[in-house]
Amino acid sequence: MTEEELKQKIAKLTKQLNPLKQQRSQLNIEAKSWAQKRNEINNQIKTLKNEAKTLRQKRNQLNQRVKELKMKREAVKKKIAIKKQQITEIKQKLLELKNEKPSKSFKALQKEFEELEWKIQTTPLTLEEEKKLIAKVKHVNAGLVIYKQLQQLQQQRLELQIEIKTLETKVKEYHRQLTEIAEKSQKLHRQMLEKLQKIEALRNESDIAHQNYSTFRQQAQTIHQKCSQILTQINSLKEKLHKLEEERKQKYELEIRKKLIENAKKKLKRGEKLSWEEFQILAENDISQTEG
């Protein structure tokens, strides 16, 4: 292949190479753009994951608080149930004692008891009279005991009712706190689900961006391989061209040298004076012939 043919071939390949380089560059730009988009989306996903994690932790803390409040409320309800049962038992005892309650009032019995006590202490009595009075005192005292038992039971019932009211207030407060905390927990749960839904949507976008990046990257790589092949051919042709040019240059220099030697020899035959260059070329030629 001649030098001209090699130059034409190199020019043709270079013409093919330049648009391929531009195409490769554009594909790499597209790939880089999709990679940046993918990375930005992945950063958003990371941020949303951290936010969702924080929301889940807060929600779980609230749920734990709800659990604790429910346990406390149930414990208070059990106490209320026990106290109500105690009131039921007291009501039953009161009912039984009311059936045994004397016809006279407490004050009347108290007065009668005091008068009997005074009479026994201050009035001279026979043994028989004293026995009768003591029996009467016992009877009156039994009536007073019933009234005192009724009073104690009523007091116990009142105290239990007050305690129940206090406990029911606690139950209402626990219920209020439970409702408030449960609403907060549900709100956090909804927010967390929204974050997770956004993450899922962004993951799809990230997958698409990565697929596009891979596609453009693969196309750029294919073009790059073509460029490399063409460049290899160009370099190979340039080496051949350089070799031919060197050979042509050497041949030209050799011809010039031969002409100079011939001219110098002719001048010597004619007895003409040689230039320093002609003298040096003849000397080198003689040395090379001698060595040859």
Protein backbone atom coordinates (compact mmCIF):
# COMPACT_ATOMS: atom_id res chain seq x y z
CA MET A 1 0.00 0.00 0.00
CA THR A 2 1.43 3.38 -1.05
CA GLU A 3 1.84 6.41 1.19
CA GLU A 4 -1.10 8.14 -0.47
CA GLU A 5 -3.30 5.11 -0.04
CA LEU A 6 -2.28 4.90 3.62
CA LYS A 7 -3.07 8.60 4.14
CA GLN A 8 -6.45 8.19 2.48
CA LYS A 9 -7.18 5.15 4.65
CA ILE A 10 -6.11 7.04 7.81
CA ALA A 11 -8.27 10.03 6.81
CA LYS A 12 -11.24 7.78 6.15
CA LEU A 13 -10.88 6.00 9.51
CA THR A 14 -10.38 9.34 11.31
CA LYS A 15 -13.59 10.58 9.71
CA GLN A 16 -15.36 7.51 11.07
CA LEU A 17 -13.74 7.92 14.51
CA ASN A 18 -14.69 11.54 15.26
CA PRO A 19 -18.50 11.11 15.23
CA LEU A 20 -18.09 7.91 17.25
CA LYS A 21 -16.13 9.85 19.88
CA GLN A 22 -18.87 12.48 19.99
CA GLN A 23 -21.50 9.78 20.29
CA ARG A 24 -19.52 8.08 23.07
CA SER A 25 -19.11 11.40 24.88
CA GLN A 26 -22.86 12.09 24.67
CA LEU A 27 -23.68 8.59 25.92
CA ASN A 28 -21.27 9.04 28.86
CA ILE A 29 -22.95 12.36 29.68
CA GLU A 30 -26.36 10.66 29.63
CA ALA A 31 -25.06 7.80 31.78
CA LYS A 32 -23.53 10.26 34.26
CA SER A 33 -26.81 12.21 34.40
CA TRP A 34 -28.80 9.06 35.22
CA ALA A 35 -26.19 7.99 37.78
CA GLN A 36 -26.48 11.37 39.52
CA LYS A 37 -30.26 11.11 39.50
CA ARG A 38 -30.06 7.58 40.92
CA ASN A 39 -27.67 8.72 43.65
CA GLU A 40 -29.90 11.67 44.53
CA ILE A 41 -32.90 9.34 44.79
CA ASN A 42 -30.90 6.91 46.94
CA ASN A 43 -29.96 9.79 49.27
CA GLN A 44 -33.66 10.68 49.54
CA ILE A 45 -34.43 7.03 50.33
CA LYS A 46 -31.73 7.03 53.03
CA THR A 47 -33.19 10.19 54.60
CA LEU A 48 -36.73 8.78 54.48
CA LYS A 49 -35.54 5.50 56.03
CA ASN A 50 -34.03 7.39 58.96
CA GLU A 51 -37.21 9.44 59.34
CA ALA A 52 -39.37 6.28 59.19
CA LYS A 53 -37.11 4.61 61.76
CA THR A 54 -37.46 7.59 64.12
CA LEU A 55 -41.26 7.57 63.67
CA ARG A 56 -41.37 3.81 64.35
CA GLN A 57 -39.35 4.23 67.55
CA LYS A 58 -41.61 7.05 68.75
CA ARG A 59 -44.71 5.03 67.86
CA ASN A 60 -43.38 1.97 69.70
CA GLN A 61 -42.63 4.11 72.76
CA LEU A 62 -46.20 5.43 72.71
CA ASN A 63 -47.57 1.89 72.24
CA GLN A 64 -45.54 0.78 75.25
CA ARG A 65 -47.02 3.68 77.22
CA VAL A 66 -50.52 2.62 76.08
CA LYS A 67 -49.80 -0.91 77.25
CA GLU A 68 -48.66 0.34 80.67
CA LEU A 69 -51.72 2.59 81.03
CA LYS A 70 -54.05 -0.27 80.09
CA MET A 71 -52.45 -2.46 82.77
CA LYS A 72 -52.86 0.32 85.34
CA ARG A 73 -56.46 0.90 84.29
CA GLU A 74 -57.25 -2.81 84.53
CA ALA A 75 -55.64 -2.94 87.97
CA VAL A 76 -57.80 -0.01 89.13
CA LYS A 77 -60.92 -1.64 87.63
CA LYS A 78 -60.17 -4.78 89.62
CA LYS A 79 -59.88 -2.69 92.79
CA ILE A 80 -63.24 -1.06 91.95
CA ALA A 81 -64.81 -4.48 91.40
CA ILE A 82 -63.47 -5.69 94.78
CA LYS A 83 -64.78 -2.59 96.56
CA LYS A 84 -68.17 -2.90 94.85
CA GLN A 85 -68.32 -6.49 96.00
CA GLN A 86 -67.51 -5.29 99.52
CA ILE A 87 -70.36 -2.75 99.27
CA THR A 88 -72.71 -5.52 98.15
CA GLU A 89 -71.69 -7.58 101.19
CA ILE A 90 -72.16 -4.55 103.48
CA LYS A 91 -75.61 -3.92 102.01
CA GLN A 92 -76.51 -7.52 102.76
CA LYS A 93 -75.32 -7.14 106.39
CA LEU A 94 -77.18 -3.83 106.70
CA LEU A 95 -80.33 -5.50 105.45
CA GLU A 96 -79.91 -8.28 108.00
CA LEU A 97 -79.21 -5.82 110.83
CA LYS A 98 -82.16 -3.60 109.88
CA ASN A 99 -84.41 -6.59 110.41
CA GLU A 100 -82.92 -6.91 113.90
CA LYS A 101 -83.01 -3.17 114.62
CA PRO A 102 -84.99 -2.27 117.77
CA SER A 103 -88.23 -0.29 117.48
CA LYS A 104 -86.77 2.41 119.71
CA SER A 105 -84.34 4.94 118.36
CA PHE A 106 -80.63 5.01 119.23
CA LYS A 107 -81.08 8.12 121.40
CA ALA A 108 -83.98 6.54 123.30
CA LEU A 109 -81.97 3.38 123.94
CA GLN A 110 -78.91 5.39 124.94
CA LYS A 111 -80.97 7.37 127.43
CA GLU A 112 -82.58 4.23 128.80
CA PHE A 113 -79.16 2.58 129.12
CA GLU A 114 -77.75 5.53 131.05
CA GLU A 115 -80.80 5.64 133.37
CA LEU A 116 -80.52 1.91 134.09
CA GLU A 117 -76.80 2.24 134.80
CA TRP A 118 -77.47 5.13 137.14
CA LYS A 119 -80.25 3.29 138.93
CA ILE A 120 -78.06 0.22 139.48
CA GLN A 121 -75.27 2.39 140.87
CA THR A 122 -77.41 4.65 143.13
CA THR A 123 -80.48 2.69 144.19
CA PRO A 124 -80.40 -0.04 146.87
CA LEU A 125 -81.78 -3.16 145.18
CA THR A 126 -82.58 -6.67 146.10
CA LEU A 127 -80.71 -9.43 144.35
CA GLU A 128 -83.74 -10.26 142.27
CA GLU A 129 -84.29 -6.62 141.30
CA GLU A 130 -80.64 -6.21 140.39
CA LYS A 131 -80.73 -9.28 138.18
CA LYS A 132 -83.76 -7.95 136.34
CA LEU A 133 -82.11 -4.56 135.80
CA ILE A 134 -78.87 -6.15 134.58
CA ALA A 135 -80.84 -8.30 132.10
CA LYS A 136 -82.65 -5.21 130.93
CA VAL A 137 -79.30 -3.40 130.54
CA LYS A 138 -77.99 -6.25 128.41
CA HIS A 139 -81.10 -6.14 126.23
CA VAL A 140 -80.83 -2.38 125.75
CA ASN A 141 -77.08 -2.66 125.10
CA ALA A 142 -77.71 -5.32 122.43
CA GLY A 143 -79.96 -2.81 120.66
CA LEU A 144 -77.23 -0.15 120.94
CA VAL A 145 -74.67 -2.59 119.51
CA ILE A 146 -76.93 -3.15 116.50
CA TYR A 147 -77.16 0.62 115.96
CA LYS A 148 -73.35 0.93 116.29
CA GLN A 149 -72.83 -1.91 113.82
CA LEU A 150 -75.26 -0.24 111.44
CA GLN A 151 -73.35 3.01 111.81
CA GLN A 152 -69.97 1.34 111.24
CA LEU A 153 -71.25 -0.49 108.18
CA GLN A 154 -72.76 2.67 106.76
CA GLN A 155 -69.48 4.48 107.38
CA GLN A 156 -67.57 1.68 105.66
CA ARG A 157 -70.00 1.80 102.74
CA LEU A 158 -69.55 5.57 102.45
CA GLU A 159 -65.75 5.27 102.57
CA LEU A 160 -65.85 2.56 99.90
CA GLN A 161 -68.13 4.70 97.72
CA ILE A 162 -65.70 7.63 98.05
CA GLU A 163 -62.77 5.33 97.21
CA ILE A 164 -64.67 4.00 94.19
CA LYS A 165 -65.35 7.56 93.00
CA THR A 166 -61.64 8.35 93.32
CA LEU A 167 -60.69 5.17 91.47
CA GLU A 168 -63.28 5.82 88.74
CA THR A 169 -61.76 9.27 88.29
CA LYS A 170 -58.40 7.54 87.83
CA VAL A 171 -59.94 5.17 85.26
CA LYS A 172 -61.36 8.14 83.35
CA GLU A 173 -57.97 9.88 83.44
CA TYR A 174 -56.23 6.72 82.24
CA HIS A 175 -58.82 6.44 79.45
CA ARG A 176 -58.26 10.07 78.48
CA GLN A 177 -54.49 9.54 78.36
CA LEU A 178 -54.94 6.28 76.44
CA THR A 179 -57.14 7.95 73.85
CA GLU A 180 -54.74 10.86 73.45
CA ILE A 181 -51.64 8.67 73.20
CA ALA A 182 -53.37 6.17 70.89
CA GLU A 183 -54.29 9.02 68.51
CA LYS A 184 -50.68 10.23 68.54
CA SER A 185 -49.48 6.67 67.90
CA GLN A 186 -51.90 6.26 64.98
CA LYS A 187 -50.77 9.60 63.55
CA LEU A 188 -47.11 8.52 63.78
CA HIS A 189 -48.02 5.17 62.22
CA ARG A 190 -49.73 6.91 59.28
CA GLN A 191 -46.72 9.20 58.84
CA MET A 192 -44.40 6.18 58.92
CA LEU A 193 -46.51 4.38 56.29
CA GLU A 194 -46.42 7.50 54.09
CA LYS A 195 -42.60 7.50 54.36
CA LEU A 196 -42.47 3.79 53.48
CA GLN A 197 -44.77 4.34 50.48
CA LYS A 198 -42.53 7.19 49.29
CA ILE A 199 -39.49 4.91 49.74
CA GLU A 200 -41.14 2.21 47.61
CA ALA A 201 -41.99 4.74 44.87
CA LEU A 202 -38.46 6.17 44.98
CA ARG A 203 -36.97 2.67 44.82
CA ASN A 204 -38.85 2.13 41.55
CA GLU A 205 -37.51 5.45 40.26
CA SER A 206 -34.01 4.49 41.40
CA ASP A 207 -34.28 1.14 39.59
CA ILE A 208 -35.37 2.89 36.39
CA ALA A 209 -32.54 5.44 36.71
CA HIS A 210 -30.03 2.62 37.28
CA GLN A 211 -31.38 0.67 34.28
CA ASN A 212 -31.04 3.78 32.10
CA TYR A 213 -27.54 4.39 33.46
CA SER A 214 -26.58 0.77 32.67
CA THR A 215 -28.09 1.01 29.17
CA PHE A 216 -26.26 4.24 28.26
CA ARG A 217 -23.09 2.99 29.93
CA GLN A 218 -23.21 -0.25 27.92
CA GLN A 219 -23.86 1.68 24.69
CA ALA A 220 -20.94 4.00 25.48
CA GLN A 221 -18.75 0.96 26.17
CA THR A 222 -19.75 -0.59 22.83
CA ILE A 223 -18.90 2.65 21.01
CA HIS A 224 -15.66 2.87 22.99
CA GLN A 225 -14.66 -0.60 21.78
CA LYS A 226 -15.34 0.48 18.19
CA CYS A 227 -13.25 3.61 18.75
CA SER A 228 -10.45 1.51 20.20
CA GLN A 229 -10.54 -0.83 17.20
CA ILE A 230 -10.48 2.06 14.72
CA LEU A 231 -7.75 3.82 16.70
CA THR A 232 -5.70 0.64 16.67
CA GLN A 233 -6.09 0.47 12.89
CA ILE A 234 -5.14 4.15 12.52
CA ASN A 235 -2.04 3.71 14.71
CA SER A 236 -1.05 0.62 12.73
CA LEU A 237 -1.47 2.51 9.44
CA LYS A 238 0.45 5.49 10.81
CA GLU A 239 3.32 3.18 11.74
CA LYS A 240 3.32 1.80 8.19
CA LEU A 241 3.13 5.30 6.76
CA HIS A 242 5.96 6.44 9.01
CA LYS A 243 8.04 3.46 7.88
CA LEU A 244 7.40 4.24 4.19
CA GLU A 245 8.23 7.90 4.76
CA GLU A 246 11.46 6.94 6.52
CA GLU A 247 12.36 4.58 3.68
CA ARG A 248 11.58 7.28 1.11
CA LYS A 249 13.62 9.82 3.07
CA GLN A 250 16.56 7.42 3.38
CA LYS A 251 16.36 6.64 -0.34
CA TYR A 252 16.28 10.33 -1.19
CA GLU A 253 19.23 11.06 1.12
CA LEU A 254 21.14 8.17 -0.43
CA GLU A 255 20.54 9.47 -3.95
CA ILE A 256 21.64 12.98 -2.91
CA ARG A 257 24.77 11.46 -1.33
CA LYS A 258 25.54 9.51 -4.50
CA LYS A 259 25.19 12.65 -6.61
CA LEU A 260 27.43 14.58 -4.27
CA ILE A 261 30.07 11.82 -4.42
CA GLU A 262 29.87 11.68 -8.21
CA ASN A 263 30.17 15.47 -8.50
CA ALA A 264 33.11 15.49 -6.06
CA LYS A 265 34.90 12.78 -8.02
CA LYS A 266 34.36 14.68 -11.27
CA LYS A 267 35.77 17.83 -9.68
CA LEU A 268 38.83 15.88 -8.52
CA LYS A 269 39.38 14.57 -12.04
CA ARG A 270 39.10 18.10 -13.36
CA GLY A 271 41.51 19.27 -10.65
CA GLU A 272 38.95 21.54 -9.12
CA LYS A 273 38.93 22.43 -5.44
CA LEU A 274 36.48 20.49 -3.25
CA SER A 275 34.22 22.04 -0.61
CA TRP A 276 34.55 20.84 2.97
CA GLU A 277 31.25 18.96 2.63
CA GLU A 278 32.39 17.25 -0.58
CA PHE A 279 35.74 16.38 0.95
CA GLN A 280 34.04 14.91 4.04
CA ILE A 281 31.57 12.84 1.96
CA LEU A 282 34.41 11.40 -0.17
CA ALA A 283 36.41 10.56 2.96
CA GLU A 284 33.44 8.79 4.56
CA ASN A 285 32.75 6.91 1.32
CA ASP A 286 36.35 5.71 1.10
CA ILE A 287 36.27 4.55 4.72
CA SER A 288 33.00 2.69 4.20
CA GLN A 289 34.37 0.99 1.04
CA THR A 290 37.58 0.05 2.89
CA GLU A 291 35.58 -1.42 5.78
CA GLY A 292 33.33 -3.15 3.26
